[in-house]
Amino acid sequence: LSCEVSGLTFSDYYMSWFRQAPGKEREWVSCIGSGVDT
């Protein structure tokens, strides 16, 4: 999966992935840090 971001200073933001399965609540999947590769 890819997520292209525009309209903000990308390096100032942590990025996260969430998912929502059919019939279930949205859940967190992953965090990617804003600076250091964490």
All heavy atoms as atom14 arrays in JSON, in Angstrom:
{
  "sequence": "LSCEVSGLTFSDYYMSWFRQAPGKEREWVSCIGSGVDT",
  "atom14_mask": [
    [1, 1, 1, 1, 1, 1, 1, 1, 0, 0, 0, 0, 0, 0],
    [1, 1, 1, 1, 1, 1, 0, 0, 0, 0, 0, 0, 0, 0],
    [1, 1, 1, 1, 1, 1, 0, 0, 0, 0, 0, 0, 0, 0],
    [1, 1, 1, 1, 1, 1, 1, 1, 1, 0, 0, 0, 0, 0],
    [1, 1, 1, 1, 1, 1, 1, 0, 0, 0, 0, 0, 0, 0],
    [1, 1, 1, 1, 1, 1, 0, 0, 0, 0, 0, 0, 0, 0],
    [1, 1, 1, 1, 0, 0, 0, 0, 0, 0, 0, 0, 0, 0],
    [1, 1, 1, 1, 1, 1, 1, 1, 0, 0, 0, 0, 0, 0],
    [1, 1, 1, 1, 1, 1, 1, 0, 0, 0, 0, 0, 0, 0],
    [1, 1, 1, 1, 1, 1, 1, 1, 1, 1, 1, 0, 0, 0],
    [1, 1, 1, 1, 1, 1, 0, 0, 0, 0, 0, 0, 0, 0],
    [1, 1, 1, 1, 1, 1, 1, 1, 0, 0, 0, 0, 0, 0],
    [1, 1, 1, 1, 1, 1, 1, 1, 1, 1, 1, 1, 0, 0],
    [1, 1, 1, 1, 1, 1, 1, 1, 1, 1, 1, 1, 0, 0],
    [1, 1, 1, 1, 1, 1, 1, 1, 0, 0, 0, 0, 0, 0],
    [1, 1, 1, 1, 1, 1, 0, 0, 0, 0, 0, 0, 0, 0],
    [1, 1, 1, 1, 1, 1, 1, 1, 1, 1, 1, 1, 1, 1],
    [1, 1, 1, 1, 1, 1, 1, 1, 1, 1, 1, 0, 0, 0],
    [1, 1, 1, 1, 1, 1, 1, 1, 1, 1, 1, 0, 0, 0],
    [1, 1, 1, 1, 1, 1, 1, 1, 1, 0, 0, 0, 0, 0],
    [1, 1, 1, 1, 1, 0, 0, 0, 0, 0, 0, 0, 0, 0],
    [1, 1, 1, 1, 1, 1, 1, 0, 0, 0, 0, 0, 0, 0],
    [1, 1, 1, 1, 0, 0, 0, 0, 0, 0, 0, 0, 0, 0],
    [1, 1, 1, 1, 1, 1, 1, 1, 1, 0, 0, 0, 0, 0],
    [1, 1, 1, 1, 1, 1, 1, 1, 1, 0, 0, 0, 0, 0],
    [1, 1, 1, 1, 1, 1, 1, 1, 1, 1, 1, 0, 0, 0],
    [1, 1, 1, 1, 1, 1, 1, 1, 1, 0, 0, 0, 0, 0],
    [1, 1, 1, 1, 1, 1, 1, 1, 1, 1, 1, 1, 1, 1],
    [1, 1, 1, 1, 1, 1, 1, 0, 0, 0, 0, 0, 0, 0],
    [1, 1, 1, 1, 1, 1, 0, 0, 0, 0, 0, 0, 0, 0],
    [1, 1, 1, 1, 1, 1, 0, 0, 0, 0, 0, 0, 0, 0],
    [1, 1, 1, 1, 1, 1, 1, 1, 0, 0, 0, 0, 0, 0],
    [1, 1, 1, 1, 0, 0, 0, 0, 0, 0, 0, 0, 0, 0],
    [1, 1, 1, 1, 1, 1, 0, 0, 0, 0, 0, 0, 0, 0],
    [1, 1, 1, 1, 0, 0, 0, 0, 0, 0, 0, 0, 0, 0],
    [1, 1, 1, 1, 1, 1, 1, 0, 0, 0, 0, 0, 0, 0],
    [1, 1, 1, 1, 1, 1, 1, 1, 0, 0, 0, 0, 0, 0],
    [1, 1, 1, 1, 1, 1, 1, 0, 0, 0, 0, 0, 0, 0]
  ],
  "atom14_positions": [
    [[0.83, -1.19, 0.0], [0.0, 0.0, 0.0], [0.87, 1.25, 0.0], [1.94, 1.26, 0.59], [-0.92, 0.03, 1.22], [-1.8, -1.2, 1.46], [-2.7, -0.97, 2.66], [-2.62, -1.54, 0.23], [0.0, 0.0, 0.0], [0.0, 0.0, 0.0], [0.0, 0.0, 0.0], [0.0, 0.0, 0.0], [0.0, 0.0, 0.0], [0.0, 0.0, 0.0]],
    [[0.38, 2.29, -0.66], [1.05, 3.58, -0.67], [0.07, 4.65, -0.24], [-1.14, 4.53, -0.43], [1.57, 3.91, -2.07], [2.5, 2.95, -2.53], [0.0, 0.0, 0.0], [0.0, 0.0, 0.0], [0.0, 0.0, 0.0], [0.0, 0.0, 0.0], [0.0, 0.0, 0.0], [0.0, 0.0, 0.0], [0.0, 0.0, 0.0], [0.0, 0.0, 0.0]],
    [[0.59, 5.71, 0.35], [-0.22, 6.86, 0.71], [0.57, 8.12, 0.38], [1.57, 8.43, 1.04], [-0.59, 6.83, 2.19], [-1.62, 8.21, 2.73], [0.0, 0.0, 0.0], [0.0, 0.0, 0.0], [0.0, 0.0, 0.0], [0.0, 0.0, 0.0], [0.0, 0.0, 0.0], [0.0, 0.0, 0.0], [0.0, 0.0, 0.0], [0.0, 0.0, 0.0]],
    [[0.13, 8.82, -0.66], [0.75, 10.08, -1.05], [0.09, 11.23, -0.3], [-1.13, 11.34, -0.29], [0.63, 10.29, -2.56], [1.39, 9.27, -3.39], [1.24, 9.52, -4.87], [0.2, 9.14, -5.44], [2.17, 10.11, -5.46], [0.0, 0.0, 0.0], [0.0, 0.0, 0.0], [0.0, 0.0, 0.0], [0.0, 0.0, 0.0], [0.0, 0.0, 0.0]],
    [[0.91, 12.09, 0.28], [0.43, 13.17, 1.13], [0.79, 14.5, 0.49], [1.9, 14.69, -0.01], [1.03, 13.07, 2.54], [0.53, 14.2, 3.42], [0.71, 11.72, 3.16], [0.0, 0.0, 0.0], [0.0, 0.0, 0.0], [0.0, 0.0, 0.0], [0.0, 0.0, 0.0], [0.0, 0.0, 0.0], [0.0, 0.0, 0.0], [0.0, 0.0, 0.0]],
    [[-0.14, 15.44, 0.53], [0.1, 16.78, 0.03], [-0.61, 17.79, 0.92], [-1.55, 17.45, 1.64], [-0.36, 16.93, -1.43], [-1.75, 16.68, -1.55], [0.0, 0.0, 0.0], [0.0, 0.0, 0.0], [0.0, 0.0, 0.0], [0.0, 0.0, 0.0], [0.0, 0.0, 0.0], [0.0, 0.0, 0.0], [0.0, 0.0, 0.0], [0.0, 0.0, 0.0]],
    [[-0.16, 19.03, 0.86], [-0.82, 20.1, 1.59], [-0.33, 20.32, 3.01], [-0.88, 21.16, 3.72], [0.0, 0.0, 0.0], [0.0, 0.0, 0.0], [0.0, 0.0, 0.0], [0.0, 0.0, 0.0], [0.0, 0.0, 0.0], [0.0, 0.0, 0.0], [0.0, 0.0, 0.0], [0.0, 0.0, 0.0], [0.0, 0.0, 0.0], [0.0, 0.0, 0.0]],
    [[0.69, 19.59, 3.44], [1.28, 19.79, 4.74], [2.78, 19.53, 4.68], [3.28, 19.0, 3.68], [0.61, 18.92, 5.81], [0.47, 17.41, 5.56], [1.8, 16.69, 5.73], [-0.57, 16.82, 6.49], [0.0, 0.0, 0.0], [0.0, 0.0, 0.0], [0.0, 0.0, 0.0], [0.0, 0.0, 0.0], [0.0, 0.0, 0.0], [0.0, 0.0, 0.0]],
    [[3.48, 19.93, 5.73], [4.91, 19.65, 5.81], [5.08, 18.22, 6.27], [4.99, 17.91, 7.46], [5.6, 20.63, 6.77], [5.35, 21.98, 6.35], [7.11, 20.39, 6.78], [0.0, 0.0, 0.0], [0.0, 0.0, 0.0], [0.0, 0.0, 0.0], [0.0, 0.0, 0.0], [0.0, 0.0, 0.0], [0.0, 0.0, 0.0], [0.0, 0.0, 0.0]],
    [[5.32, 17.34, 5.32], [5.27, 15.9, 5.56], [6.2, 15.48, 6.69], [5.83, 14.62, 7.51], [5.61, 15.17, 4.26], [5.47, 13.68, 4.33], [4.25, 13.09, 4.59], [6.57, 12.86, 4.12], [4.12, 11.71, 4.65], [6.45, 11.49, 4.16], [5.23, 10.92, 4.43], [0.0, 0.0, 0.0], [0.0, 0.0, 0.0], [0.0, 0.0, 0.0]],
    [[7.39, 16.05, 6.74], [8.37, 15.65, 7.74], [7.98, 16.04, 9.16], [8.61, 15.59, 10.12], [9.76, 16.21, 7.41], [9.72, 17.63, 7.36], [0.0, 0.0, 0.0], [0.0, 0.0, 0.0], [0.0, 0.0, 0.0], [0.0, 0.0, 0.0], [0.0, 0.0, 0.0], [0.0, 0.0, 0.0], [0.0, 0.0, 0.0], [0.0, 0.0, 0.0]],
    [[6.96, 16.89, 9.32], [6.49, 17.28, 10.65], [5.45, 16.3, 11.21], [4.97, 16.51, 12.32], [5.85, 18.67, 10.61], [6.88, 19.78, 10.48], [8.09, 19.51, 10.69], [6.47, 20.91, 10.17], [0.0, 0.0, 0.0], [0.0, 0.0, 0.0], [0.0, 0.0, 0.0], [0.0, 0.0, 0.0], [0.0, 0.0, 0.0], [0.0, 0.0, 0.0]],
    [[5.13, 15.26, 10.46], [4.02, 14.4, 10.84], [4.45, 12.95, 10.98], [5.17, 12.4, 10.15], [2.89, 14.48, 9.8], [2.11, 15.77, 9.88], [2.62, 16.93, 9.34], [0.87, 15.8, 10.5], [1.9, 18.12, 9.43], [0.15, 16.98, 10.58], [0.68, 18.13, 10.06], [-0.03, 19.3, 10.14], [0.0, 0.0, 0.0], [0.0, 0.0, 0.0]],
    [[4.01, 12.36, 12.08], [3.97, 10.91, 12.15], [2.88, 10.41, 11.21], [1.86, 11.06, 11.02], [3.65, 10.44, 13.57], [4.7, 10.71, 14.6], [4.57, 11.79, 15.47], [5.81, 9.88, 14.74], [5.52, 12.04, 16.44], [6.77, 10.13, 15.71], [6.62, 11.21, 16.55], [7.58, 11.44, 17.52], [0.0, 0.0, 0.0], [0.0, 0.0, 0.0]],
    [[3.11, 9.25, 10.64], [2.11, 8.62, 9.79], [1.69, 7.3, 10.41], [2.52, 6.57, 10.97], [2.64, 8.4, 8.38], [2.97, 9.68, 7.63], [1.52, 10.74, 7.35], [0.5, 9.67, 6.33], [0.0, 0.0, 0.0], [0.0, 0.0, 0.0], [0.0, 0.0, 0.0], [0.0, 0.0, 0.0], [0.0, 0.0, 0.0], [0.0, 0.0, 0.0]],
    [[0.41, 7.01, 10.29], [-0.13, 5.78, 10.85], [-1.01, 5.09, 9.83], [-1.58, 5.72, 8.94], [-0.95, 6.07, 12.12], [-0.17, 6.68, 13.12], [0.0, 0.0, 0.0], [0.0, 0.0, 0.0], [0.0, 0.0, 0.0], [0.0, 0.0, 0.0], [0.0, 0.0, 0.0], [0.0, 0.0, 0.0], [0.0, 0.0, 0.0], [0.0, 0.0, 0.0]],
    [[-1.09, 3.78, 9.98], [-2.03, 2.97, 9.21], [-3.05, 2.37, 10.17], [-2.7, 1.85, 11.23], [-1.33, 1.85, 8.46], [-0.49, 2.3, 7.3], [0.84, 2.53, 7.3], [-0.95, 2.56, 5.97], [1.25, 2.92, 6.05], [0.17, 2.94, 5.21], [-2.2, 2.49, 5.34], [0.08, 3.27, 3.86], [-2.29, 2.82, 4.0], [-1.17, 3.2, 3.28]],
    [[-4.31, 2.46, 9.77], [-5.42, 1.81, 10.46], [-6.18, 0.96, 9.46], [-6.03, 1.14, 8.25], [-6.37, 2.85, 11.08], [-5.77, 3.67, 12.18], [-4.96, 4.76, 11.9], [-6.01, 3.37, 13.52], [-4.42, 5.53, 12.91], [-5.48, 4.13, 14.54], [-4.68, 5.21, 14.23], [0.0, 0.0, 0.0], [0.0, 0.0, 0.0], [0.0, 0.0, 0.0]],
    [[-6.99, 0.07, 9.96], [-7.84, -0.72, 9.08], [-9.18, -0.99, 9.76], [-9.29, -0.96, 10.99], [-7.18, -2.05, 8.69], [-7.04, -3.04, 9.84], [-6.26, -4.26, 9.39], [-6.13, -5.24, 10.46], [-5.39, -6.34, 10.38], [-4.7, -6.59, 9.27], [-5.33, -7.19, 11.41], [0.0, 0.0, 0.0], [0.0, 0.0, 0.0], [0.0, 0.0, 0.0]],
    [[-10.18, -1.25, 8.94], [-11.5, -1.57, 9.45], [-12.04, -2.76, 8.67], [-12.32, -2.66, 7.48], [-12.45, -0.38, 9.34], [-13.79, -0.61, 10.01], [-14.61, 0.66, 10.11], [-14.39, 1.61, 9.38], [-15.55, 0.67, 11.04], [0.0, 0.0, 0.0], [0.0, 0.0, 0.0], [0.0, 0.0, 0.0], [0.0, 0.0, 0.0], [0.0, 0.0, 0.0]],
    [[-12.18, -3.88, 9.36], [-12.72, -5.09, 8.76], [-14.24, -5.0, 8.71], [-14.85, -4.27, 9.5], [-12.28, -6.31, 9.55], [0.0, 0.0, 0.0], [0.0, 0.0, 0.0], [0.0, 0.0, 0.0], [0.0, 0.0, 0.0], [0.0, 0.0, 0.0], [0.0, 0.0, 0.0], [0.0, 0.0, 0.0], [0.0, 0.0, 0.0], [0.0, 0.0, 0.0]],
    [[-14.86, -5.74, 7.79], [-16.33, -5.73, 7.74], [-16.94, -6.11, 9.07], [-16.59, -7.13, 9.66], [-16.64, -6.78, 6.66], [-15.42, -6.82, 5.8], [-14.27, -6.6, 6.75], [0.0, 0.0, 0.0], [0.0, 0.0, 0.0], [0.0, 0.0, 0.0], [0.0, 0.0, 0.0], [0.0, 0.0, 0.0], [0.0, 0.0, 0.0], [0.0, 0.0, 0.0]],
    [[-17.85, -5.28, 9.55], [-18.54, -5.56, 10.79], [-17.75, -5.34, 12.05], [-18.22, -5.68, 13.14], [0.0, 0.0, 0.0], [0.0, 0.0, 0.0], [0.0, 0.0, 0.0], [0.0, 0.0, 0.0], [0.0, 0.0, 0.0], [0.0, 0.0, 0.0], [0.0, 0.0, 0.0], [0.0, 0.0, 0.0], [0.0, 0.0, 0.0], [0.0, 0.0, 0.0]],
    [[-16.56, -4.77, 11.95], [-15.71, -4.55, 13.11], [-15.33, -3.08, 13.23], [-15.47, -2.31, 12.29], [-14.44, -5.4, 13.03], [-14.7, -6.9, 13.01], [-13.41, -7.69, 12.95], [-12.59, -7.54, 14.21], [-11.37, -8.4, 14.18], [0.0, 0.0, 0.0], [0.0, 0.0, 0.0], [0.0, 0.0, 0.0], [0.0, 0.0, 0.0], [0.0, 0.0, 0.0]],
    [[-14.84, -2.72, 14.41], [-14.37, -1.37, 14.63], [-13.0, -1.16, 13.99], [-12.24, -2.11, 13.77], [-14.29, -1.08, 16.14], [-15.62, -1.13, 16.86], [-16.57, -0.07, 16.38], [-16.13, 1.09, 16.18], [-17.76, -0.38, 16.19], [0.0, 0.0, 0.0], [0.0, 0.0, 0.0], [0.0, 0.0, 0.0], [0.0, 0.0, 0.0], [0.0, 0.0, 0.0]],
    [[-12.69, 0.09, 13.71], [-11.39, 0.4, 13.15], [-10.29, 0.11, 14.18], [-10.45, 0.38, 15.37], [-11.34, 1.88, 12.73], [-10.08, 2.28, 12.0], [-10.28, 3.57, 11.22], [-10.71, 4.66, 12.07], [-11.29, 5.78, 11.62], [-11.51, 5.92, 10.32], [-11.63, 6.72, 12.47], [0.0, 0.0, 0.0], [0.0, 0.0, 0.0], [0.0, 0.0, 0.0]],
    [[-9.2, -0.44, 13.71], [-8.1, -0.78, 14.59], [-6.78, -0.25, 14.03], [-6.61, -0.11, 12.81], [-8.0, -2.3, 14.79], [-7.67, -3.08, 13.53], [-7.5, -4.56, 13.77], [-7.36, -4.97, 14.94], [-7.51, -5.33, 12.78], [0.0, 0.0, 0.0], [0.0, 0.0, 0.0], [0.0, 0.0, 0.0], [0.0, 0.0, 0.0], [0.0, 0.0, 0.0]],
    [[-5.86, 0.01, 14.92], [-4.55, 0.49, 14.54], [-3.69, -0.64, 13.99], [-3.76, -1.77, 14.46], [-3.85, 1.12, 15.76], [-2.4, 1.41, 15.56], [-1.85, 2.38, 14.79], [-1.31, 0.69, 16.15], [-0.48, 2.33, 14.86], [-0.12, 1.31, 15.69], [-1.21, -0.39, 17.02], [1.14, 0.87, 16.08], [0.03, -0.83, 17.41], [1.19, -0.2, 16.94]],
    [[-2.88, -0.33, 12.99], [-2.01, -1.31, 12.34], [-0.54, -0.99, 12.55], [0.24, -1.84, 12.97], [-2.32, -1.41, 10.84], [-1.34, -2.35, 10.15], [-3.75, -1.89, 10.63], [0.0, 0.0, 0.0], [0.0, 0.0, 0.0], [0.0, 0.0, 0.0], [0.0, 0.0, 0.0], [0.0, 0.0, 0.0], [0.0, 0.0, 0.0], [0.0, 0.0, 0.0]],
    [[-0.13, 0.26, 12.24], [1.29, 0.59, 12.25], [1.49, 2.08, 12.42], [0.66, 2.88, 11.99], [1.95, 0.12, 10.95], [3.32, 0.47, 10.9], [0.0, 0.0, 0.0], [0.0, 0.0, 0.0], [0.0, 0.0, 0.0], [0.0, 0.0, 0.0], [0.0, 0.0, 0.0], [0.0, 0.0, 0.0], [0.0, 0.0, 0.0], [0.0, 0.0, 0.0]],
    [[2.62, 2.46, 13.03], [3.08, 3.84, 13.1], [4.43, 3.93, 12.41], [5.27, 3.03, 12.52], [3.26, 4.32, 14.54], [1.78, 4.37, 15.55], [0.0, 0.0, 0.0], [0.0, 0.0, 0.0], [0.0, 0.0, 0.0], [0.0, 0.0, 0.0], [0.0, 0.0, 0.0], [0.0, 0.0, 0.0], [0.0, 0.0, 0.0], [0.0, 0.0, 0.0]],
    [[4.65, 5.05, 11.71], [5.93, 5.35, 11.09], [6.33, 6.74, 11.55], [5.61, 7.71, 11.3], [5.86, 5.28, 9.55], [5.41, 3.9, 9.08], [7.22, 5.63, 8.95], [3.92, 3.8, 8.84], [0.0, 0.0, 0.0], [0.0, 0.0, 0.0], [0.0, 0.0, 0.0], [0.0, 0.0, 0.0], [0.0, 0.0, 0.0], [0.0, 0.0, 0.0]],
    [[7.46, 6.86, 12.23], [7.91, 8.11, 12.81], [8.19, 9.18, 11.77], [8.39, 8.89, 10.58], [0.0, 0.0, 0.0], [0.0, 0.0, 0.0], [0.0, 0.0, 0.0], [0.0, 0.0, 0.0], [0.0, 0.0, 0.0], [0.0, 0.0, 0.0], [0.0, 0.0, 0.0], [0.0, 0.0, 0.0], [0.0, 0.0, 0.0], [0.0, 0.0, 0.0]],
    [[8.22, 10.43, 12.23], [8.37, 11.56, 11.33], [9.81, 11.82, 10.9], [10.04, 12.34, 9.81], [7.81, 12.83, 11.98], [8.49, 13.12, 13.19], [0.0, 0.0, 0.0], [0.0, 0.0, 0.0], [0.0, 0.0, 0.0], [0.0, 0.0, 0.0], [0.0, 0.0, 0.0], [0.0, 0.0, 0.0], [0.0, 0.0, 0.0], [0.0, 0.0, 0.0]],
    [[10.77, 11.51, 11.75], [12.17, 11.77, 11.44], [13.0, 10.52, 11.37], [13.2, 9.95, 10.29], [0.0, 0.0, 0.0], [0.0, 0.0, 0.0], [0.0, 0.0, 0.0], [0.0, 0.0, 0.0], [0.0, 0.0, 0.0], [0.0, 0.0, 0.0], [0.0, 0.0, 0.0], [0.0, 0.0, 0.0], [0.0, 0.0, 0.0], [0.0, 0.0, 0.0]],
    [[13.44, 10.06, 12.52], [14.18, 8.81, 12.6], [13.3, 7.67, 12.09], [12.08, 7.69, 12.25], [14.65, 8.54, 14.04], [15.42, 7.23, 14.13], [15.49, 9.69, 14.56], [0.0, 0.0, 0.0], [0.0, 0.0, 0.0], [0.0, 0.0, 0.0], [0.0, 0.0, 0.0], [0.0, 0.0, 0.0], [0.0, 0.0, 0.0], [0.0, 0.0, 0.0]],
    [[13.94, 6.71, 11.44], [13.21, 5.55, 10.92], [12.79, 4.65, 12.07], [13.47, 3.68, 12.39], [14.07, 4.79, 9.91], [14.2, 5.5, 8.59], [13.31, 6.31, 8.27], [15.18, 5.24, 7.88], [0.0, 0.0, 0.0], [0.0, 0.0, 0.0], [0.0, 0.0, 0.0], [0.0, 0.0, 0.0], [0.0, 0.0, 0.0], [0.0, 0.0, 0.0]],
    [[11.66, 4.98, 12.67], [11.1, 4.19, 13.75], [9.71, 3.74, 13.35], [8.93, 4.51, 12.78], [11.03, 4.99, 15.06], [10.28, 6.19, 14.85], [12.43, 5.35, 15.54], [0.0, 0.0, 0.0], [0.0, 0.0, 0.0], [0.0, 0.0, 0.0], [0.0, 0.0, 0.0], [0.0, 0.0, 0.0], [0.0, 0.0, 0.0], [0.0, 0.0, 0.0]]
  ]
}
